[in-house]
């Protein structure tokens, strides 16, 4: 019994839409970062699903997803370092208050 592609794409679409909504509406930098990660994970699910259905037996989508997860982890570490620097200088992590980084 073959599971349809829609059973994978609809949750991925919902995840991506929730990420876009969170990215647009939040003012907290940590919440924006979490929303961005949610969007990246939805895209990773799409890579794996399309690889499985379009090219069964090949692992190109899987390897690309692992590479994207590694890049997302590095991006998250860098973003958290920037957020910590902004918090040290401004004592807040709201986007409206962080107009420039001061040292």
N, C-alpha and C. Protein backbone atom coordinates (compact mmCIF):
# COMPACT_ATOMS: atom_id res chain seq x y z
N UNK A 1 0.84 -1.18 0.00
CA UNK A 1 0.00 0.00 0.00
C UNK A 1 0.89 1.25 0.00
N UNK A 2 0.75 2.07 -0.98
CA UNK A 2 1.56 3.27 -1.17
C UNK A 2 0.88 4.47 -0.52
N UNK A 3 1.62 5.20 0.28
CA UNK A 3 1.09 6.42 0.90
C UNK A 3 1.23 7.56 -0.10
N UNK A 4 0.17 8.34 -0.24
CA UNK A 4 0.16 9.43 -1.20
C UNK A 4 1.12 10.55 -0.78
N UNK A 5 1.57 11.30 -1.75
CA UNK A 5 2.49 12.41 -1.49
C UNK A 5 1.81 13.52 -0.70
N UNK A 6 0.50 13.64 -0.82
CA UNK A 6 -0.22 14.70 -0.12
C UNK A 6 -0.18 14.53 1.40
N UNK A 7 -0.06 13.29 1.88
CA UNK A 7 0.03 13.08 3.32
C UNK A 7 1.33 13.65 3.90
N UNK A 8 2.30 13.88 3.08
CA UNK A 8 3.55 14.50 3.51
C UNK A 8 3.58 16.00 3.22
N UNK A 9 3.00 16.40 2.09
CA UNK A 9 3.10 17.79 1.67
C UNK A 9 2.17 18.71 2.46
N UNK A 10 1.00 18.23 2.85
CA UNK A 10 0.07 19.08 3.59
C UNK A 10 0.63 19.46 4.96
N UNK A 11 1.15 18.52 5.77
CA UNK A 11 1.78 18.97 7.03
C UNK A 11 2.99 19.88 6.81
N UNK A 12 3.73 19.63 5.74
CA UNK A 12 4.86 20.50 5.43
C UNK A 12 4.38 21.91 5.08
N UNK A 13 3.29 22.00 4.33
CA UNK A 13 2.72 23.30 3.99
C UNK A 13 2.22 24.02 5.23
N UNK A 14 1.58 23.29 6.13
CA UNK A 14 1.10 23.89 7.38
C UNK A 14 2.27 24.40 8.21
N UNK A 15 3.35 23.59 8.30
CA UNK A 15 4.54 24.02 9.04
C UNK A 15 5.14 25.29 8.44
N UNK A 16 5.22 25.32 7.10
CA UNK A 16 5.81 26.48 6.45
C UNK A 16 4.96 27.73 6.67
N UNK A 17 3.64 27.59 6.56
CA UNK A 17 2.75 28.73 6.76
C UNK A 17 2.80 29.24 8.20
N UNK A 18 2.88 28.32 9.17
CA UNK A 18 3.04 28.74 10.57
C UNK A 18 4.36 29.47 10.77
N UNK A 19 5.41 29.01 10.10
CA UNK A 19 6.70 29.69 10.19
C UNK A 19 6.67 31.09 9.60
N UNK A 20 6.02 31.24 8.45
CA UNK A 20 5.90 32.57 7.82
C UNK A 20 5.09 33.50 8.71
N UNK A 21 3.98 33.00 9.24
CA UNK A 21 3.16 33.81 10.13
C UNK A 21 3.94 34.25 11.37
N UNK A 22 4.66 33.32 11.98
CA UNK A 22 5.47 33.67 13.14
C UNK A 22 6.59 34.63 12.82
N UNK A 23 7.20 34.48 11.65
CA UNK A 23 8.29 35.37 11.24
C UNK A 23 7.79 36.79 11.03
N UNK A 24 6.59 36.92 10.48
CA UNK A 24 6.05 38.25 10.18
C UNK A 24 5.50 38.94 11.42
N UNK A 25 4.85 38.18 12.30
CA UNK A 25 4.12 38.81 13.40
C UNK A 25 4.91 38.96 14.69
N UNK A 26 5.97 38.24 14.90
CA UNK A 26 6.69 38.28 16.18
C UNK A 26 7.67 39.45 16.22
N UNK A 27 7.89 39.95 17.43
CA UNK A 27 8.86 41.01 17.63
C UNK A 27 10.05 40.55 18.45
N UNK A 28 9.97 39.35 19.00
CA UNK A 28 11.05 38.77 19.77
C UNK A 28 12.00 38.04 18.81
N UNK A 29 13.29 38.29 18.95
CA UNK A 29 14.24 37.70 18.02
C UNK A 29 14.33 36.18 18.14
N UNK A 30 14.16 35.65 19.33
CA UNK A 30 14.19 34.19 19.51
C UNK A 30 12.99 33.56 18.81
N UNK A 31 11.82 34.17 18.94
CA UNK A 31 10.62 33.65 18.27
C UNK A 31 10.77 33.72 16.75
N UNK A 32 11.40 34.76 16.26
CA UNK A 32 11.65 34.88 14.82
C UNK A 32 12.61 33.78 14.37
N UNK A 33 13.63 33.50 15.16
CA UNK A 33 14.58 32.44 14.83
C UNK A 33 13.90 31.07 14.82
N UNK A 34 13.02 30.82 15.79
CA UNK A 34 12.28 29.56 15.81
C UNK A 34 11.38 29.44 14.60
N UNK A 35 10.74 30.52 14.20
CA UNK A 35 9.88 30.51 13.01
C UNK A 35 10.69 30.24 11.75
N UNK A 36 11.87 30.80 11.68
CA UNK A 36 12.75 30.55 10.54
C UNK A 36 13.17 29.08 10.48
N UNK A 37 13.48 28.51 11.62
CA UNK A 37 13.85 27.09 11.68
C UNK A 37 12.67 26.21 11.29
N UNK A 38 11.46 26.60 11.66
CA UNK A 38 10.27 25.85 11.27
C UNK A 38 10.10 25.85 9.75
N UNK A 39 10.36 26.98 9.13
CA UNK A 39 10.28 27.04 7.66
C UNK A 39 11.35 26.17 7.02
N UNK A 40 12.56 26.19 7.55
CA UNK A 40 13.63 25.37 7.00
C UNK A 40 13.33 23.88 7.13
N UNK A 41 12.74 23.48 8.25
CA UNK A 41 12.38 22.08 8.43
C UNK A 41 11.28 21.66 7.47
N UNK A 42 10.34 22.54 7.18
CA UNK A 42 9.30 22.23 6.20
C UNK A 42 9.91 22.02 4.82
N UNK A 43 10.88 22.82 4.48
CA UNK A 43 11.55 22.67 3.18
C UNK A 43 12.34 21.36 3.15
N UNK A 44 12.97 21.00 4.26
CA UNK A 44 13.70 19.73 4.32
C UNK A 44 12.77 18.54 4.12
N UNK A 45 11.58 18.60 4.70
CA UNK A 45 10.61 17.53 4.49
C UNK A 45 10.25 17.43 3.01
N UNK A 46 10.10 18.56 2.35
CA UNK A 46 9.78 18.54 0.92
C UNK A 46 10.92 17.93 0.10
N UNK A 47 12.16 18.23 0.45
CA UNK A 47 13.29 17.61 -0.25
C UNK A 47 13.23 16.10 -0.18
N UNK A 48 12.99 15.59 1.01
CA UNK A 48 12.95 14.14 1.19
C UNK A 48 11.77 13.51 0.46
N UNK A 49 10.61 14.14 0.55
CA UNK A 49 9.41 13.59 -0.09
C UNK A 49 9.55 13.57 -1.60
N UNK A 50 10.00 14.67 -2.18
CA UNK A 50 10.14 14.70 -3.64
C UNK A 50 11.22 13.74 -4.12
N UNK A 51 12.27 13.58 -3.35
CA UNK A 51 13.30 12.61 -3.71
C UNK A 51 12.72 11.19 -3.68
N UNK A 52 11.95 10.89 -2.66
CA UNK A 52 11.40 9.55 -2.52
C UNK A 52 10.41 9.21 -3.64
N UNK A 53 9.59 10.18 -4.04
CA UNK A 53 8.57 9.91 -5.04
C UNK A 53 9.06 10.08 -6.47
N UNK A 54 9.99 10.99 -6.71
CA UNK A 54 10.46 11.22 -8.08
C UNK A 54 11.63 10.32 -8.46
N UNK A 55 12.52 10.07 -7.51
CA UNK A 55 13.71 9.26 -7.77
C UNK A 55 13.86 8.18 -6.70
N UNK A 56 12.98 7.18 -6.67
CA UNK A 56 13.10 6.16 -5.62
C UNK A 56 14.40 5.37 -5.78
N UNK A 57 15.02 5.07 -4.67
CA UNK A 57 16.27 4.33 -4.70
C UNK A 57 17.50 5.22 -4.68
N UNK A 58 17.35 6.51 -4.96
CA UNK A 58 18.48 7.43 -4.90
C UNK A 58 18.41 8.23 -3.60
N UNK A 59 19.54 8.66 -3.13
CA UNK A 59 19.60 9.36 -1.85
C UNK A 59 20.00 10.82 -1.98
N UNK A 60 19.81 11.43 -3.14
CA UNK A 60 20.22 12.82 -3.33
C UNK A 60 19.46 13.77 -2.40
N UNK A 61 18.16 13.59 -2.29
CA UNK A 61 17.36 14.45 -1.42
C UNK A 61 17.73 14.29 0.04
N UNK A 62 18.06 13.06 0.42
CA UNK A 62 18.45 12.81 1.82
C UNK A 62 19.77 13.51 2.15
N UNK A 63 20.74 13.41 1.26
CA UNK A 63 22.02 14.06 1.51
C UNK A 63 21.89 15.58 1.50
N UNK A 64 21.08 16.10 0.59
CA UNK A 64 20.87 17.54 0.54
C UNK A 64 20.18 18.01 1.83
N UNK A 65 19.25 17.22 2.35
CA UNK A 65 18.58 17.56 3.59
C UNK A 65 19.55 17.55 4.76
N UNK A 66 20.43 16.55 4.83
CA UNK A 66 21.43 16.52 5.91
C UNK A 66 22.36 17.73 5.83
N UNK A 67 22.74 18.11 4.62
CA UNK A 67 23.57 19.30 4.44
C UNK A 67 22.81 20.55 4.89
N UNK A 68 21.53 20.64 4.55
CA UNK A 68 20.72 21.80 4.94
C UNK A 68 20.55 21.86 6.45
N UNK A 69 20.40 20.72 7.11
CA UNK A 69 20.29 20.70 8.56
C UNK A 69 21.59 21.17 9.21
N UNK A 70 22.72 20.77 8.66
CA UNK A 70 24.01 21.21 9.20
C UNK A 70 24.18 22.72 9.03
N UNK A 71 23.80 23.24 7.88
CA UNK A 71 23.88 24.69 7.65
C UNK A 71 22.93 25.42 8.59
N UNK A 72 21.73 24.87 8.81
CA UNK A 72 20.76 25.50 9.72
C UNK A 72 21.28 25.52 11.15
N UNK A 73 21.98 24.48 11.57
CA UNK A 73 22.55 24.45 12.91
C UNK A 73 23.63 25.53 13.06
N UNK A 74 24.46 25.68 12.06
CA UNK A 74 25.49 26.73 12.11
C UNK A 74 24.84 28.11 12.09
N UNK A 75 23.81 28.26 11.30
CA UNK A 75 23.10 29.55 11.22
C UNK A 75 22.45 29.87 12.56
N UNK A 76 21.89 28.88 13.23
CA UNK A 76 21.26 29.10 14.53
C UNK A 76 22.28 29.50 15.58
N UNK A 77 23.43 28.86 15.58
CA UNK A 77 24.48 29.22 16.54
C UNK A 77 24.95 30.66 16.32
N UNK A 78 25.11 31.04 15.08
CA UNK A 78 25.53 32.41 14.78
C UNK A 78 24.45 33.42 15.16
N UNK A 79 23.19 33.09 14.87
CA UNK A 79 22.09 34.00 15.21
C UNK A 79 21.96 34.16 16.72
N UNK A 80 22.12 33.08 17.47
CA UNK A 80 22.02 33.20 18.93
C UNK A 80 23.18 34.04 19.48
N UNK A 81 24.37 33.91 18.89
CA UNK A 81 25.49 34.75 19.31
C UNK A 81 25.20 36.23 19.05
N UNK A 82 24.60 36.52 17.92
CA UNK A 82 24.23 37.92 17.61
C UNK A 82 23.16 38.41 18.57
N UNK A 83 22.17 37.57 18.88
CA UNK A 83 21.11 37.95 19.80
C UNK A 83 21.67 38.21 21.19
N UNK A 84 22.63 37.40 21.63
CA UNK A 84 23.25 37.62 22.94
C UNK A 84 23.99 38.96 22.95
N UNK A 85 24.69 39.30 21.87
CA UNK A 85 25.38 40.60 21.81
C UNK A 85 24.39 41.75 21.83
N UNK A 86 23.28 41.61 21.12
CA UNK A 86 22.27 42.67 21.14
C UNK A 86 21.67 42.80 22.53
N UNK A 87 21.43 41.69 23.20
CA UNK A 87 20.87 41.75 24.57
C UNK A 87 21.85 42.41 25.53
N UNK A 88 23.13 42.13 25.38
CA UNK A 88 24.12 42.75 26.28
C UNK A 88 24.19 44.26 26.11
N UNK A 89 24.00 44.72 24.90
CA UNK A 89 24.10 46.16 24.68
C UNK A 89 22.78 46.90 24.89
N UNK A 90 21.65 46.27 24.54
CA UNK A 90 20.36 46.96 24.62
C UNK A 90 19.48 46.53 25.79
N UNK A 91 19.81 45.42 26.45
CA UNK A 91 19.02 44.85 27.54
C UNK A 91 17.62 44.43 27.09
N UNK A 92 17.43 44.19 25.81
CA UNK A 92 16.18 43.67 25.27
C UNK A 92 16.48 42.97 23.95
N UNK A 93 15.57 42.06 23.56
CA UNK A 93 15.75 41.38 22.28
C UNK A 93 14.58 41.63 21.34
N UNK A 94 13.86 42.73 21.59
CA UNK A 94 12.80 43.12 20.67
C UNK A 94 13.42 43.69 19.40
N UNK A 95 12.80 43.38 18.28
CA UNK A 95 13.33 43.82 16.99
C UNK A 95 13.26 45.32 16.84
N UNK A 96 12.20 45.93 17.37
CA UNK A 96 12.05 47.39 17.24
C UNK A 96 13.14 48.16 17.98
N UNK A 97 13.62 47.61 19.08
CA UNK A 97 14.63 48.30 19.87
C UNK A 97 16.06 48.09 19.37
N UNK A 98 16.26 47.09 18.54
CA UNK A 98 17.61 46.77 18.06
C UNK A 98 17.84 47.41 16.70
N UNK A 99 18.02 48.72 16.69
CA UNK A 99 18.24 49.41 15.43
C UNK A 99 19.69 49.32 14.98
N UNK A 100 20.59 49.23 15.92
CA UNK A 100 22.00 49.07 15.56
C UNK A 100 22.73 48.38 16.70
N UNK A 101 23.80 47.70 16.36
CA UNK A 101 24.60 47.04 17.39
C UNK A 101 25.69 47.99 17.86
N UNK A 102 25.82 48.12 19.16
CA UNK A 102 26.81 49.02 19.75
C UNK A 102 27.85 48.21 20.48
N UNK A 103 29.06 48.67 20.45
CA UNK A 103 30.14 48.03 21.21
C UNK A 103 30.77 49.04 22.12
